[in-house]
Amino acid sequence: MPVGSTSREAILVATRAAIAERGPGKLTLSAVAAAAGVSRPTLYRWFPTKDDLLAAIVVYEEEQFDVGLHAVIAAHRSPARRLDAALRYLVTYLDDLMGADPIGADPQFALQSLARGLPVQSAALVRLLGDAFLQVPAVRNRRLTSEQAAEMFLRVAYSHYLVPHPDPEVLLANLRGFAGLTGSAAIRATG
């Protein structure tokens, strides 16, 4: 890691936590610097304004989604296992990222963030999963494109984020059913 990137990462992580807790409207650079354990001049060197910091957090979130998705699917060779790992990641990604009540902090910002991230995350799913989308019967039968299936999976995952199911495993089972991954036996058989 280049010198200084640790400070930048700490600032972005602290910003992410502050936005989840209080929303971007109440975000102060002083509070972010304190939470990140860096001096205000260090923060200002990386992000001279609050707008610069908010723009950077958008890019950071896109990168984190891509890196996390890549990591979970890279561990699997078979298309079915890669798709299953991606679905599990989608079910837990936003909850892990934003905490218990990100909508309550600033609903408008949260919804805008989801809308802005949807095409980027859809493209990442398609790019990283590739032929794994052929596991989805609607894609295999050409009723949906991979892009449409990716967007549908994300929209369902977003709905879990907005109105959480008390048992995320139920949501995951529903996604697996749509994806043609009916139970762990099917995944083992194709893995």
C-alpha atoms as a PDB file:
ATOM      1  CA  MET A   1       0.000   0.000   0.000  1.00  0.00           C
ATOM      2  CA  PRO A   2       1.384   3.440  -0.855  1.00  0.00           C
ATOM      3  CA  VAL A   3       2.316   5.735   1.984  1.00  0.00           C
ATOM      4  CA  GLY A   4      -0.731   7.681   3.117  1.00  0.00           C
ATOM      5  CA  SER A   5      -3.294   5.276   1.697  1.00  0.00           C
ATOM      6  CA  THR A   6      -3.862   3.923   5.206  1.00  0.00           C
ATOM      7  CA  SER A   7      -4.974   7.416   6.292  1.00  0.00           C
ATOM      8  CA  ARG A   8      -7.210   7.727   3.250  1.00  0.00           C
ATOM      9  CA  GLU A   9      -8.786   4.326   3.932  1.00  0.00           C
ATOM     10  CA  ALA A  10      -9.314   5.202   7.604  1.00  0.00           C
ATOM     11  CA  ILE A  11     -10.990   8.473   6.601  1.00  0.00           C
ATOM     12  CA  LEU A  12     -13.320   6.698   4.167  1.00  0.00           C
ATOM     13  CA  VAL A  13     -14.213   4.001   6.699  1.00  0.00           C
ATOM     14  CA  ALA A  14     -14.933   6.666   9.326  1.00  0.00           C
ATOM     15  CA  THR A  15     -17.025   8.598   6.805  1.00  0.00           C
ATOM     16  CA  ARG A  16     -19.024   5.492   5.960  1.00  0.00           C
ATOM     17  CA  ALA A  17     -19.765   4.928   9.668  1.00  0.00           C
ATOM     18  CA  ALA A  18     -20.671   8.578  10.273  1.00  0.00           C
ATOM     19  CA  ILE A  19     -23.056   8.665   7.313  1.00  0.00           C
ATOM     20  CA  ALA A  20     -24.749   5.460   8.479  1.00  0.00           C
ATOM     21  CA  GLU A  21     -25.133   6.874  11.970  1.00  0.00           C
ATOM     22  CA  ARG A  22     -26.082  10.507  11.289  1.00  0.00           C
ATOM     23  CA  GLY A  23     -26.545  10.951   7.548  1.00  0.00           C
ATOM     24  CA  PRO A  24     -24.434  13.154   5.280  1.00  0.00           C
ATOM     25  CA  GLY A  25     -26.160  16.381   6.354  1.00  0.00           C
ATOM     26  CA  LYS A  26     -24.699  16.176   9.840  1.00  0.00           C
ATOM     27  CA  LEU A  27     -21.311  14.987   8.662  1.00  0.00           C
ATOM     28  CA  THR A  28     -18.453  17.227   9.781  1.00  0.00           C
ATOM     29  CA  LEU A  29     -14.881  16.937   8.645  1.00  0.00           C
ATOM     30  CA  SER A  30     -13.680  17.454  12.215  1.00  0.00           C
ATOM     31  CA  ALA A  31     -15.739  14.503  13.449  1.00  0.00           C
ATOM     32  CA  VAL A  32     -14.510  12.329  10.588  1.00  0.00           C
ATOM     33  CA  ALA A  33     -10.881  13.237  11.303  1.00  0.00           C
ATOM     34  CA  ALA A  34     -11.330  12.367  14.982  1.00  0.00           C
ATOM     35  CA  ALA A  35     -13.073   9.066  14.207  1.00  0.00           C
ATOM     36  CA  ALA A  36     -10.402   8.161  11.653  1.00  0.00           C
ATOM     37  CA  GLY A  37      -7.585   9.009  14.072  1.00  0.00           C
ATOM     38  CA  VAL A  38      -6.008  11.529  11.721  1.00  0.00           C
ATOM     39  CA  SER A  39      -5.343  15.225  12.041  1.00  0.00           C
ATOM     40  CA  ARG A  40      -7.597  17.701  10.294  1.00  0.00           C
ATOM     41  CA  PRO A  41      -4.723  18.811   8.010  1.00  0.00           C
ATOM     42  CA  THR A  42      -4.290  15.169   6.946  1.00  0.00           C
ATOM     43  CA  LEU A  43      -7.998  14.887   6.184  1.00  0.00           C
ATOM     44  CA  TYR A  44      -7.953  18.198   4.262  1.00  0.00           C
ATOM     45  CA  ARG A  45      -4.944  17.044   2.256  1.00  0.00           C
ATOM     46  CA  TRP A  46      -6.963  14.056   1.006  1.00  0.00           C
ATOM     47  CA  PHE A  47     -10.382  15.748   0.917  1.00  0.00           C
ATOM     48  CA  PRO A  48     -10.299  19.562   0.929  1.00  0.00           C
ATOM     49  CA  THR A  49     -14.093  19.871   1.172  1.00  0.00           C
ATOM     50  CA  LYS A  50     -17.076  17.905   2.404  1.00  0.00           C
ATOM     51  CA  ASP A  51     -18.230  17.581  -1.210  1.00  0.00           C
ATOM     52  CA  ASP A  52     -14.872  16.036  -2.148  1.00  0.00           C
ATOM     53  CA  LEU A  53     -15.266  13.547   0.697  1.00  0.00           C
ATOM     54  CA  LEU A  54     -18.846  12.653  -0.286  1.00  0.00           C
ATOM     55  CA  ALA A  55     -17.784  12.159  -3.921  1.00  0.00           C
ATOM     56  CA  ALA A  56     -14.917   9.937  -2.793  1.00  0.00           C
ATOM     57  CA  ILE A  57     -17.197   7.815  -0.611  1.00  0.00           C
ATOM     58  CA  VAL A  58     -19.369   7.033  -3.655  1.00  0.00           C
ATOM     59  CA  VAL A  59     -16.346   5.756  -5.579  1.00  0.00           C
ATOM     60  CA  TYR A  60     -15.082   3.922  -2.492  1.00  0.00           C
ATOM     61  CA  GLU A  61     -18.399   2.112  -2.047  1.00  0.00           C
ATOM     62  CA  GLU A  62     -18.370   1.031  -5.686  1.00  0.00           C
ATOM     63  CA  GLU A  63     -14.838  -0.293  -5.271  1.00  0.00           C
ATOM     64  CA  GLN A  64     -15.699  -2.090  -2.025  1.00  0.00           C
ATOM     65  CA  PHE A  65     -18.690  -3.804  -3.643  1.00  0.00           C
ATOM     66  CA  ASP A  66     -16.535  -4.950  -6.554  1.00  0.00           C
ATOM     67  CA  VAL A  67     -13.669  -6.156  -4.347  1.00  0.00           C
ATOM     68  CA  GLY A  68     -16.002  -7.983  -1.963  1.00  0.00           C
ATOM     69  CA  LEU A  69     -17.979  -9.630  -4.749  1.00  0.00           C
ATOM     70  CA  HIS A  70     -14.803 -10.688  -6.528  1.00  0.00           C
ATOM     71  CA  ALA A  71     -13.423 -12.216  -3.331  1.00  0.00           C
ATOM     72  CA  VAL A  72     -16.501 -14.318  -2.603  1.00  0.00           C
ATOM     73  CA  ILE A  73     -16.883 -15.673  -6.123  1.00  0.00           C
ATOM     74  CA  ALA A  74     -13.173 -16.206  -6.800  1.00  0.00           C
ATOM     75  CA  ALA A  75     -13.150 -18.985  -4.220  1.00  0.00           C
ATOM     76  CA  HIS A  76     -15.428 -21.115  -6.433  1.00  0.00           C
ATOM     77  CA  ARG A  77     -14.891 -22.740  -9.814  1.00  0.00           C
ATOM     78  CA  SER A  78     -18.335 -23.919 -10.808  1.00  0.00           C
ATOM     79  CA  PRO A  79     -20.832 -21.420 -12.184  1.00  0.00           C
ATOM     80  CA  ALA A  80     -23.506 -22.583  -9.710  1.00  0.00           C
ATOM     81  CA  ARG A  81     -21.250 -22.067  -6.711  1.00  0.00           C
ATOM     82  CA  ARG A  82     -20.121 -18.646  -7.978  1.00  0.00           C
ATOM     83  CA  LEU A  83     -23.730 -17.573  -8.465  1.00  0.00           C
ATOM     84  CA  ASP A  84     -24.694 -18.892  -5.037  1.00  0.00           C
ATOM     85  CA  ALA A  85     -21.792 -17.046  -3.376  1.00  0.00           C
ATOM     86  CA  ALA A  86     -22.814 -13.844  -5.182  1.00  0.00           C
ATOM     87  CA  LEU A  87     -26.426 -14.181  -4.011  1.00  0.00           C
ATOM     88  CA  ARG A  88     -25.325 -14.653  -0.398  1.00  0.00           C
ATOM     89  CA  TYR A  89     -23.088 -11.600  -0.769  1.00  0.00           C
ATOM     90  CA  LEU A  90     -26.001  -9.519  -2.074  1.00  0.00           C
ATOM     91  CA  VAL A  91     -28.208 -10.513   0.852  1.00  0.00           C
ATOM     92  CA  THR A  92     -25.622  -9.462   3.419  1.00  0.00           C
ATOM     93  CA  TYR A  93     -23.683  -6.677   1.663  1.00  0.00           C
ATOM     94  CA  LEU A  94     -25.854  -3.678   2.480  1.00  0.00           C
ATOM     95  CA  ASP A  95     -26.625  -4.833   6.013  1.00  0.00           C
ATOM     96  CA  ASP A  96     -22.932  -5.294   6.742  1.00  0.00           C
ATOM     97  CA  LEU A  97     -22.056  -2.025   5.051  1.00  0.00           C
ATOM     98  CA  MET A  98     -24.592   0.335   6.530  1.00  0.00           C
ATOM     99  CA  GLY A  99     -25.651  -1.118   9.859  1.00  0.00           C
ATOM    100  CA  ALA A 100     -29.014  -1.392  11.537  1.00  0.00           C
ATOM    101  CA  ASP A 101     -30.941   1.676  10.329  1.00  0.00           C
ATOM    102  CA  PRO A 102     -29.264   3.610   7.499  1.00  0.00           C
ATOM    103  CA  ILE A 103     -32.591   4.731   6.051  1.00  0.00           C
ATOM    104  CA  GLY A 104     -33.520   6.413   9.341  1.00  0.00           C
ATOM    105  CA  ALA A 105     -30.409   8.617   9.322  1.00  0.00           C
ATOM    106  CA  ASP A 106     -31.151  10.196   5.929  1.00  0.00           C
ATOM    107  CA  PRO A 107     -33.730   8.429   3.757  1.00  0.00           C
ATOM    108  CA  GLN A 108     -33.207  10.644   0.709  1.00  0.00           C
ATOM    109  CA  PHE A 109     -29.447  10.106   0.686  1.00  0.00           C
ATOM    110  CA  ALA A 110     -29.846   6.345   1.218  1.00  0.00           C
ATOM    111  CA  LEU A 111     -32.309   6.004  -1.658  1.00  0.00           C
ATOM    112  CA  GLN A 112     -30.182   8.181  -3.956  1.00  0.00           C
ATOM    113  CA  SER A 113     -27.145   6.061  -3.092  1.00  0.00           C
ATOM    114  CA  LEU A 114     -29.003   2.872  -3.979  1.00  0.00           C
ATOM    115  CA  ALA A 115     -30.243   4.342  -7.261  1.00  0.00           C
ATOM    116  CA  ARG A 116     -26.760   5.586  -8.160  1.00  0.00           C
ATOM    117  CA  GLY A 117     -25.162   2.261  -7.278  1.00  0.00           C
ATOM    118  CA  LEU A 118     -27.618   0.008  -9.124  1.00  0.00           C
ATOM    119  CA  PRO A 119     -26.125   0.265 -12.640  1.00  0.00           C
ATOM    120  CA  VAL A 120     -22.560   0.036 -11.329  1.00  0.00           C
ATOM    121  CA  GLN A 121     -23.323  -2.986  -9.169  1.00  0.00           C
ATOM    122  CA  SER A 122     -25.351  -4.646 -11.951  1.00  0.00           C
ATOM    123  CA  ALA A 123     -22.429  -4.244 -14.327  1.00  0.00           C
ATOM    124  CA  ALA A 124     -20.055  -5.694 -11.724  1.00  0.00           C
ATOM    125  CA  LEU A 125     -22.288  -8.741 -11.258  1.00  0.00           C
ATOM    126  CA  VAL A 126     -22.461  -9.378 -14.988  1.00  0.00           C
ATOM    127  CA  ARG A 127     -18.732  -8.831 -15.472  1.00  0.00           C
ATOM    128  CA  LEU A 128     -17.634 -10.989 -12.549  1.00  0.00           C
ATOM    129  CA  LEU A 129     -20.177 -13.799 -12.858  1.00  0.00           C
ATOM    130  CA  GLY A 130     -20.137 -14.123 -16.642  1.00  0.00           C
ATOM    131  CA  ASP A 131     -21.415 -17.570 -17.647  1.00  0.00           C
ATOM    132  CA  ALA A 132     -22.725 -18.254 -14.143  1.00  0.00           C
ATOM    133  CA  PHE A 133     -25.868 -16.365 -15.170  1.00  0.00           C
ATOM    134  CA  LEU A 134     -26.685 -19.313 -17.441  1.00  0.00           C
ATOM    135  CA  GLN A 135     -27.627 -21.135 -14.226  1.00  0.00           C
ATOM    136  CA  VAL A 136     -30.679 -18.860 -14.038  1.00  0.00           C
ATOM    137  CA  PRO A 137     -33.475 -20.589 -15.994  1.00  0.00           C
ATOM    138  CA  ALA A 138     -34.906 -17.288 -17.298  1.00  0.00           C
ATOM    139  CA  VAL A 139     -31.470 -16.339 -18.675  1.00  0.00           C
ATOM    140  CA  ARG A 140     -30.773 -19.800 -20.068  1.00  0.00           C
ATOM    141  CA  ASN A 141     -34.206 -19.753 -21.796  1.00  0.00           C
ATOM    142  CA  ARG A 142     -33.544 -16.216 -23.086  1.00  0.00           C
ATOM    143  CA  ARG A 143     -36.463 -14.670 -21.251  1.00  0.00           C
ATOM    144  CA  LEU A 144     -34.048 -12.373 -19.412  1.00  0.00           C
ATOM    145  CA  THR A 145     -30.592 -11.110 -20.225  1.00  0.00           C
ATOM    146  CA  SER A 146     -27.794 -11.447 -17.704  1.00  0.00           C
ATOM    147  CA  GLU A 147     -28.074  -7.693 -17.164  1.00  0.00           C
ATOM    148  CA  GLN A 148     -31.779  -7.951 -16.373  1.00  0.00           C
ATOM    149  CA  ALA A 149     -31.220 -10.848 -13.969  1.00  0.00           C
ATOM    150  CA  ALA A 150     -28.411  -8.962 -12.232  1.00  0.00           C
ATOM    151  CA  GLU A 151     -30.631  -5.929 -11.778  1.00  0.00           C
ATOM    152  CA  MET A 152     -33.483  -8.078 -10.469  1.00  0.00           C
ATOM    153  CA  PHE A 153     -31.208  -9.773  -7.913  1.00  0.00           C
ATOM    154  CA  LEU A 154     -29.944  -6.391  -6.755  1.00  0.00           C
ATOM    155  CA  ARG A 155     -33.418  -4.897  -6.503  1.00  0.00           C
ATOM    156  CA  VAL A 156     -34.534  -7.829  -4.342  1.00  0.00           C
ATOM    157  CA  ALA A 157     -31.441  -7.433  -2.162  1.00  0.00           C
ATOM    158  CA  TYR A 158     -32.152  -3.697  -1.902  1.00  0.00           C
ATOM    159  CA  SER A 159     -35.674  -4.490  -0.756  1.00  0.00           C
ATOM    160  CA  HIS A 160     -34.216  -6.590   2.057  1.00  0.00           C
ATOM    161  CA  TYR A 161     -32.109  -3.597   3.013  1.00  0.00           C
ATOM    162  CA  LEU A 162     -35.127  -1.282   3.003  1.00  0.00           C
ATOM    163  CA  VAL A 163     -37.585  -3.680   4.661  1.00  0.00           C
ATOM    164  CA  PRO A 164     -35.500  -6.419   6.288  1.00  0.00           C
ATOM    165  CA  HIS A 165     -36.847  -9.929   6.523  1.00  0.00           C
ATOM    166  CA  PRO A 166     -36.434 -11.283  10.051  1.00  0.00           C
ATOM    167  CA  ASP A 167     -34.543 -14.253   8.587  1.00  0.00           C
ATOM    168  CA  PRO A 168     -32.167 -13.353   5.733  1.00  0.00           C
ATOM    169  CA  GLU A 169     -31.831 -17.064   4.923  1.00  0.00           C
ATOM    170  CA  VAL A 170     -35.447 -17.027   3.689  1.00  0.00           C
ATOM    171  CA  LEU A 171     -34.615 -14.240   1.257  1.00  0.00           C
ATOM    172  CA  LEU A 172     -31.510 -16.135   0.143  1.00  0.00           C
ATOM    173  CA  ALA A 173     -33.590 -19.287  -0.398  1.00  0.00           C
ATOM    174  CA  ASN A 174     -36.026 -17.302  -2.558  1.00  0.00           C
ATOM    175  CA  LEU A 175     -33.189 -15.859  -4.645  1.00  0.00           C
ATOM    176  CA  ARG A 176     -31.676 -19.323  -5.005  1.00  0.00           C
ATOM    177  CA  GLY A 177     -35.023 -20.663  -6.175  1.00  0.00           C
ATOM    178  CA  PHE A 178     -35.327 -18.001  -8.867  1.00  0.00           C
ATOM    179  CA  ALA A 179     -31.708 -18.616  -9.859  1.00  0.00           C
ATOM    180  CA  GLY A 180     -32.359 -22.326 -10.326  1.00  0.00           C
ATOM    181  CA  LEU A 181     -30.176 -23.205  -7.341  1.00  0.00           C
ATOM    182  CA  THR A 182     -32.729 -25.274  -5.483  1.00  0.00           C
ATOM    183  CA  GLY A 183     -31.066 -26.322  -2.282  1.00  0.00           C
ATOM    184  CA  SER A 184     -27.516 -27.173  -1.417  1.00  0.00           C
ATOM    185  CA  ALA A 185     -27.810 -30.560  -3.164  1.00  0.00           C
ATOM    186  CA  ALA A 186     -28.212 -28.822  -6.535  1.00  0.00           C
ATOM    187  CA  ILE A 187     -25.200 -26.656  -5.807  1.00  0.00           C
ATOM    188  CA  ARG A 188     -23.103 -29.660  -4.787  1.00  0.00           C
ATOM    189  CA  ALA A 189     -24.196 -31.597  -7.880  1.00  0.00           C
ATOM    190  CA  THR A 190     -23.112 -28.829 -10.216  1.00  0.00           C
ATOM    191  CA  GLY A 191     -20.101 -27.714  -8.161  1.00  0.00           C
END
